[in-house]
Amino acid sequence: MIEAAEENAFERGDHDMFNRVQAHEWLDGSWAQSGRVSGVVLFLEMNALALSKPDLSRDEHRPRAWHRMAKIAVLSLLLIGDQDFTVLINRHEYLSEEMPNAFAAMLENVDHIPT
């Protein structure tokens, strides 16, 4: 699973592998074959630059809203792609169960990242 590969590379401190896994996630999509889109070299260069920066110096704690989803009463359309990140699919399922007036649909051969 791509998310496990990303976590493993991060935990090992393997910045090159972490960068390549993120390139695959963001450019090809979580479940697609590598090389589906072009621009990998530019992405690797730009992402490596971002990854080399120090962590932010302060954390901002924002209030969580998950426990209030059931209070959203307006009609809502929730869309997700079947090739999306697992965490996003899980959130989509949670929201579709919690929001009383939500219609949820999963689009085939689609992921969340625009490519």
N, C-alpha and C. Protein backbone atom coordinates (compact mmCIF):
# COMPACT_ATOMS: atom_id res chain seq x y z
N MET A 1 0.85 -1.17 0.00
CA MET A 1 0.00 0.00 0.00
C MET A 1 0.90 1.24 0.00
N ILE A 2 0.56 2.21 -0.79
CA ILE A 2 1.40 3.39 -0.98
C ILE A 2 1.57 4.18 0.32
N GLU A 3 0.52 4.24 1.12
CA GLU A 3 0.61 4.99 2.38
C GLU A 3 1.61 4.35 3.34
N ALA A 4 1.67 3.01 3.34
CA ALA A 4 2.64 2.30 4.19
C ALA A 4 4.06 2.57 3.70
N ALA A 5 4.26 2.63 2.39
CA ALA A 5 5.58 2.93 1.84
C ALA A 5 6.02 4.34 2.22
N GLU A 6 5.09 5.28 2.19
CA GLU A 6 5.40 6.65 2.57
C GLU A 6 5.77 6.72 4.06
N GLU A 7 4.98 6.07 4.90
CA GLU A 7 5.25 6.08 6.33
C GLU A 7 6.59 5.42 6.65
N ASN A 8 6.88 4.31 5.97
CA ASN A 8 8.13 3.59 6.19
C ASN A 8 9.33 4.46 5.81
N ALA A 9 9.26 5.11 4.66
CA ALA A 9 10.36 5.98 4.22
C ALA A 9 10.55 7.14 5.19
N PHE A 10 9.45 7.70 5.67
CA PHE A 10 9.52 8.82 6.61
C PHE A 10 10.18 8.38 7.92
N GLU A 11 9.73 7.24 8.45
CA GLU A 11 10.27 6.75 9.71
C GLU A 11 11.76 6.41 9.61
N ARG A 12 12.19 5.93 8.45
CA ARG A 12 13.61 5.60 8.25
C ARG A 12 14.45 6.83 7.95
N GLY A 13 13.80 7.96 7.69
CA GLY A 13 14.52 9.18 7.34
C GLY A 13 15.06 9.14 5.92
N ASP A 14 14.47 8.31 5.07
CA ASP A 14 14.90 8.18 3.68
C ASP A 14 14.17 9.24 2.84
N HIS A 15 14.75 10.43 2.79
CA HIS A 15 14.10 11.56 2.12
C HIS A 15 13.92 11.34 0.63
N ASP A 16 14.87 10.67 -0.02
CA ASP A 16 14.74 10.41 -1.46
C ASP A 16 13.55 9.49 -1.75
N MET A 17 13.43 8.40 -0.98
CA MET A 17 12.31 7.49 -1.18
C MET A 17 11.00 8.17 -0.81
N PHE A 18 10.98 8.91 0.27
CA PHE A 18 9.78 9.64 0.68
C PHE A 18 9.34 10.58 -0.44
N ASN A 19 10.27 11.27 -1.04
CA ASN A 19 9.98 12.19 -2.14
C ASN A 19 9.42 11.43 -3.34
N ARG A 20 10.01 10.28 -3.69
CA ARG A 20 9.53 9.50 -4.84
C ARG A 20 8.12 8.96 -4.58
N VAL A 21 7.85 8.52 -3.35
CA VAL A 21 6.51 8.02 -3.02
C VAL A 21 5.50 9.15 -3.12
N GLN A 22 5.85 10.33 -2.60
CA GLN A 22 4.93 11.46 -2.71
C GLN A 22 4.70 11.86 -4.17
N ALA A 23 5.73 11.78 -4.99
CA ALA A 23 5.56 12.08 -6.42
C ALA A 23 4.53 11.14 -7.03
N HIS A 24 4.64 9.87 -6.68
CA HIS A 24 3.67 8.90 -7.21
C HIS A 24 2.26 9.22 -6.73
N GLU A 25 2.12 9.51 -5.44
CA GLU A 25 0.80 9.82 -4.87
C GLU A 25 0.18 11.04 -5.55
N TRP A 26 0.96 12.11 -5.65
CA TRP A 26 0.42 13.38 -6.14
C TRP A 26 0.29 13.44 -7.65
N LEU A 27 1.17 12.76 -8.38
CA LEU A 27 1.11 12.85 -9.83
C LEU A 27 0.32 11.71 -10.46
N ASP A 28 0.58 10.48 -10.03
CA ASP A 28 -0.07 9.33 -10.64
C ASP A 28 -1.37 8.97 -9.95
N GLY A 29 -1.45 9.23 -8.64
CA GLY A 29 -2.59 8.80 -7.85
C GLY A 29 -2.21 7.57 -7.04
N SER A 30 -2.91 7.37 -5.95
CA SER A 30 -2.56 6.32 -5.01
C SER A 30 -2.56 4.92 -5.62
N TRP A 31 -3.51 4.64 -6.47
CA TRP A 31 -3.70 3.27 -6.96
C TRP A 31 -3.28 3.08 -8.41
N ALA A 32 -2.85 4.14 -9.09
CA ALA A 32 -2.51 4.05 -10.52
C ALA A 32 -1.06 3.58 -10.71
N GLN A 33 -0.76 3.16 -11.93
CA GLN A 33 0.60 2.79 -12.30
C GLN A 33 1.49 4.03 -12.31
N SER A 34 2.76 3.86 -11.97
CA SER A 34 3.72 4.97 -12.03
C SER A 34 3.91 5.41 -13.47
N GLY A 35 4.18 6.68 -13.66
CA GLY A 35 4.46 7.21 -14.99
C GLY A 35 3.23 7.62 -15.76
N ARG A 36 2.10 7.70 -15.10
CA ARG A 36 0.85 8.07 -15.77
C ARG A 36 0.87 9.50 -16.28
N VAL A 37 1.58 10.37 -15.57
CA VAL A 37 1.67 11.77 -15.98
C VAL A 37 3.12 12.20 -16.03
N SER A 38 3.37 13.31 -16.69
CA SER A 38 4.73 13.83 -16.78
C SER A 38 4.96 14.87 -15.68
N GLY A 39 6.15 15.39 -15.61
CA GLY A 39 6.46 16.42 -14.64
C GLY A 39 7.13 15.89 -13.39
N VAL A 40 7.56 14.62 -13.40
CA VAL A 40 8.12 14.01 -12.20
C VAL A 40 9.41 14.71 -11.77
N VAL A 41 10.28 15.02 -12.72
CA VAL A 41 11.56 15.64 -12.37
C VAL A 41 11.34 16.97 -11.68
N LEU A 42 10.47 17.80 -12.23
CA LEU A 42 10.18 19.09 -11.61
C LEU A 42 9.56 18.90 -10.23
N PHE A 43 8.62 17.97 -10.10
CA PHE A 43 8.00 17.70 -8.80
C PHE A 43 9.07 17.29 -7.79
N LEU A 44 9.95 16.35 -8.17
CA LEU A 44 10.98 15.87 -7.25
C LEU A 44 11.87 17.01 -6.78
N GLU A 45 12.24 17.90 -7.69
CA GLU A 45 13.09 19.04 -7.32
C GLU A 45 12.37 19.97 -6.36
N MET A 46 11.14 20.32 -6.69
CA MET A 46 10.40 21.26 -5.85
C MET A 46 10.03 20.65 -4.50
N ASN A 47 9.62 19.39 -4.50
CA ASN A 47 9.24 18.74 -3.25
C ASN A 47 10.46 18.52 -2.35
N ALA A 48 11.61 18.19 -2.95
CA ALA A 48 12.84 18.02 -2.17
C ALA A 48 13.19 19.33 -1.45
N LEU A 49 12.99 20.43 -2.13
CA LEU A 49 13.24 21.74 -1.52
C LEU A 49 12.31 21.96 -0.33
N ALA A 50 11.04 21.66 -0.50
CA ALA A 50 10.08 21.83 0.59
C ALA A 50 10.39 20.88 1.75
N LEU A 51 10.77 19.65 1.44
CA LEU A 51 11.06 18.68 2.50
C LEU A 51 12.33 19.02 3.27
N SER A 52 13.22 19.79 2.65
CA SER A 52 14.48 20.13 3.32
C SER A 52 14.33 21.28 4.32
N LYS A 53 13.20 21.94 4.30
CA LYS A 53 12.96 23.07 5.21
C LYS A 53 12.70 22.56 6.62
N PRO A 54 13.06 23.33 7.64
CA PRO A 54 12.77 22.91 9.02
C PRO A 54 11.27 22.91 9.29
N ASP A 55 10.88 22.13 10.29
CA ASP A 55 9.48 22.11 10.69
C ASP A 55 9.07 23.50 11.17
N LEU A 56 7.78 23.76 11.12
CA LEU A 56 7.28 25.03 11.62
C LEU A 56 7.64 25.16 13.09
N SER A 57 7.85 26.38 13.52
CA SER A 57 8.32 26.61 14.88
C SER A 57 7.21 26.57 15.93
N ARG A 58 5.96 26.61 15.51
CA ARG A 58 4.89 26.55 16.49
C ARG A 58 3.73 25.75 15.91
N ASP A 59 3.04 25.10 16.79
CA ASP A 59 1.86 24.35 16.40
C ASP A 59 0.63 25.20 16.67
N GLU A 60 -0.29 25.16 15.74
CA GLU A 60 -1.57 25.82 15.96
C GLU A 60 -2.61 24.74 16.19
N HIS A 61 -3.27 24.81 17.30
CA HIS A 61 -4.29 23.83 17.61
C HIS A 61 -5.65 24.40 17.24
N ARG A 62 -6.23 23.82 16.22
CA ARG A 62 -7.54 24.27 15.78
C ARG A 62 -8.61 23.36 16.38
N PRO A 63 -9.76 23.91 16.68
CA PRO A 63 -10.82 23.07 17.25
C PRO A 63 -11.28 22.03 16.23
N ARG A 64 -11.51 20.82 16.70
CA ARG A 64 -11.98 19.74 15.85
C ARG A 64 -13.47 19.91 15.59
N ALA A 65 -13.90 19.54 14.40
CA ALA A 65 -15.31 19.70 14.04
C ALA A 65 -15.99 18.36 13.77
N TRP A 66 -15.25 17.26 13.82
CA TRP A 66 -15.83 15.96 13.47
C TRP A 66 -17.07 15.64 14.29
N HIS A 67 -17.06 15.97 15.57
CA HIS A 67 -18.18 15.63 16.43
C HIS A 67 -19.44 16.46 16.14
N ARG A 68 -19.30 17.48 15.28
CA ARG A 68 -20.45 18.33 14.96
C ARG A 68 -21.02 18.06 13.56
N MET A 69 -20.53 17.07 12.87
CA MET A 69 -20.98 16.79 11.51
C MET A 69 -22.48 16.47 11.45
N ALA A 70 -23.00 15.82 12.46
CA ALA A 70 -24.43 15.46 12.47
C ALA A 70 -25.33 16.69 12.54
N LYS A 71 -24.77 17.82 12.91
CA LYS A 71 -25.56 19.06 12.99
C LYS A 71 -25.72 19.76 11.64
N ILE A 72 -25.00 19.32 10.64
CA ILE A 72 -25.12 19.93 9.31
C ILE A 72 -26.41 19.40 8.68
N ALA A 73 -27.40 20.28 8.57
CA ALA A 73 -28.73 19.87 8.13
C ALA A 73 -29.01 20.15 6.66
N VAL A 74 -28.17 20.93 6.00
CA VAL A 74 -28.42 21.26 4.60
C VAL A 74 -28.14 20.04 3.72
N LEU A 75 -28.80 20.01 2.57
CA LEU A 75 -28.51 18.95 1.61
C LEU A 75 -27.06 19.06 1.17
N SER A 76 -26.36 17.95 1.16
CA SER A 76 -24.94 17.95 0.83
C SER A 76 -24.63 16.81 -0.11
N LEU A 77 -23.75 17.07 -1.07
CA LEU A 77 -23.28 16.05 -2.00
C LEU A 77 -21.82 15.75 -1.66
N LEU A 78 -21.54 14.51 -1.33
CA LEU A 78 -20.18 14.09 -0.98
C LEU A 78 -19.66 13.20 -2.11
N LEU A 79 -18.57 13.62 -2.74
CA LEU A 79 -17.99 12.86 -3.83
C LEU A 79 -16.59 12.41 -3.46
N ILE A 80 -16.24 11.21 -3.87
CA ILE A 80 -14.92 10.65 -3.65
C ILE A 80 -14.59 9.77 -4.85
N GLY A 81 -13.31 9.58 -5.10
CA GLY A 81 -12.89 8.69 -6.17
C GLY A 81 -12.46 7.34 -5.63
N ASP A 82 -12.71 6.29 -6.40
CA ASP A 82 -12.35 4.95 -5.93
C ASP A 82 -10.84 4.72 -5.89
N GLN A 83 -10.06 5.61 -6.50
CA GLN A 83 -8.61 5.49 -6.48
C GLN A 83 -7.98 6.49 -5.51
N ASP A 84 -8.79 7.04 -4.65
CA ASP A 84 -8.34 8.05 -3.71
C ASP A 84 -7.52 7.46 -2.58
N PHE A 85 -6.88 8.34 -1.80
CA PHE A 85 -6.17 7.92 -0.60
C PHE A 85 -7.15 7.23 0.34
N THR A 86 -6.71 6.16 0.96
CA THR A 86 -7.56 5.41 1.88
C THR A 86 -8.12 6.29 2.98
N VAL A 87 -7.30 7.18 3.51
CA VAL A 87 -7.76 8.07 4.59
C VAL A 87 -8.91 8.95 4.11
N LEU A 88 -8.88 9.39 2.87
CA LEU A 88 -9.97 10.22 2.35
C LEU A 88 -11.24 9.40 2.13
N ILE A 89 -11.08 8.17 1.67
CA ILE A 89 -12.25 7.29 1.49
C ILE A 89 -12.88 7.01 2.85
N ASN A 90 -12.07 6.77 3.86
CA ASN A 90 -12.60 6.54 5.21
C ASN A 90 -13.34 7.77 5.73
N ARG A 91 -12.80 8.95 5.49
CA ARG A 91 -13.48 10.18 5.91
C ARG A 91 -14.80 10.35 5.18
N HIS A 92 -14.80 10.05 3.90
CA HIS A 92 -16.01 10.13 3.08
C HIS A 92 -17.10 9.23 3.66
N GLU A 93 -16.74 8.01 4.00
CA GLU A 93 -17.70 7.07 4.58
C GLU A 93 -18.23 7.58 5.92
N TYR A 94 -17.32 8.10 6.74
CA TYR A 94 -17.72 8.63 8.05
C TYR A 94 -18.71 9.79 7.87
N LEU A 95 -18.37 10.73 7.00
CA LEU A 95 -19.24 11.88 6.79
C LEU A 95 -20.60 11.47 6.24
N SER A 96 -20.61 10.50 5.33
CA SER A 96 -21.89 10.07 4.75
C SER A 96 -22.79 9.42 5.80
N GLU A 97 -22.19 8.81 6.82
CA GLU A 97 -22.99 8.22 7.90
C GLU A 97 -23.43 9.28 8.92
N GLU A 98 -22.60 10.27 9.17
CA GLU A 98 -22.87 11.26 10.21
C GLU A 98 -23.80 12.38 9.76
N MET A 99 -23.69 12.79 8.51
CA MET A 99 -24.48 13.92 8.02
C MET A 99 -25.86 13.43 7.58
N PRO A 100 -26.92 13.88 8.23
CA PRO A 100 -28.25 13.31 7.98
C PRO A 100 -28.80 13.58 6.58
N ASN A 101 -28.42 14.66 5.95
CA ASN A 101 -28.97 14.99 4.63
C ASN A 101 -27.90 14.95 3.54
N ALA A 102 -26.95 14.05 3.70
CA ALA A 102 -25.89 13.93 2.71
C ALA A 102 -26.16 12.79 1.74
N PHE A 103 -25.87 13.04 0.48
CA PHE A 103 -25.89 12.01 -0.54
C PHE A 103 -24.43 11.75 -0.90
N ALA A 104 -24.00 10.51 -0.78
CA ALA A 104 -22.60 10.18 -1.03
C ALA A 104 -22.48 9.32 -2.28
N ALA A 105 -21.47 9.62 -3.09
CA ALA A 105 -21.22 8.84 -4.30
C ALA A 105 -19.72 8.65 -4.48
N MET A 106 -19.37 7.48 -5.03
CA MET A 106 -17.97 7.19 -5.33
C MET A 106 -17.83 7.12 -6.86
N LEU A 107 -16.92 7.93 -7.38
CA LEU A 107 -16.68 7.99 -8.81
C LEU A 107 -15.63 6.96 -9.21
N GLU A 108 -15.88 6.26 -10.30
CA GLU A 108 -14.96 5.22 -10.75
C GLU A 108 -13.77 5.80 -11.50
N ASN A 109 -12.60 5.20 -11.28
CA ASN A 109 -11.36 5.55 -11.98
C ASN A 109 -10.98 7.02 -11.75
N VAL A 110 -11.22 7.51 -10.54
CA VAL A 110 -10.95 8.91 -10.21
C VAL A 110 -10.23 8.96 -8.87
N ASP A 111 -9.32 9.93 -8.74
CA ASP A 111 -8.74 10.19 -7.43
C ASP A 111 -8.91 11.66 -7.10
N HIS A 112 -8.58 12.03 -5.88
CA HIS A 112 -8.83 13.37 -5.38
C HIS A 112 -7.86 14.41 -5.96
N ILE A 113 -6.67 13.95 -6.30
CA ILE A 113 -5.63 14.84 -6.79
C ILE A 113 -5.85 15.12 -8.27
N PRO A 114 -5.96 16.38 -8.67
CA PRO A 114 -6.17 16.68 -10.09
C PRO A 114 -4.90 16.43 -10.90
N THR A 115 -5.01 15.49 -11.83
CA THR A 115 -3.87 15.18 -12.71
C THR A 115 -4.31 15.21 -14.15
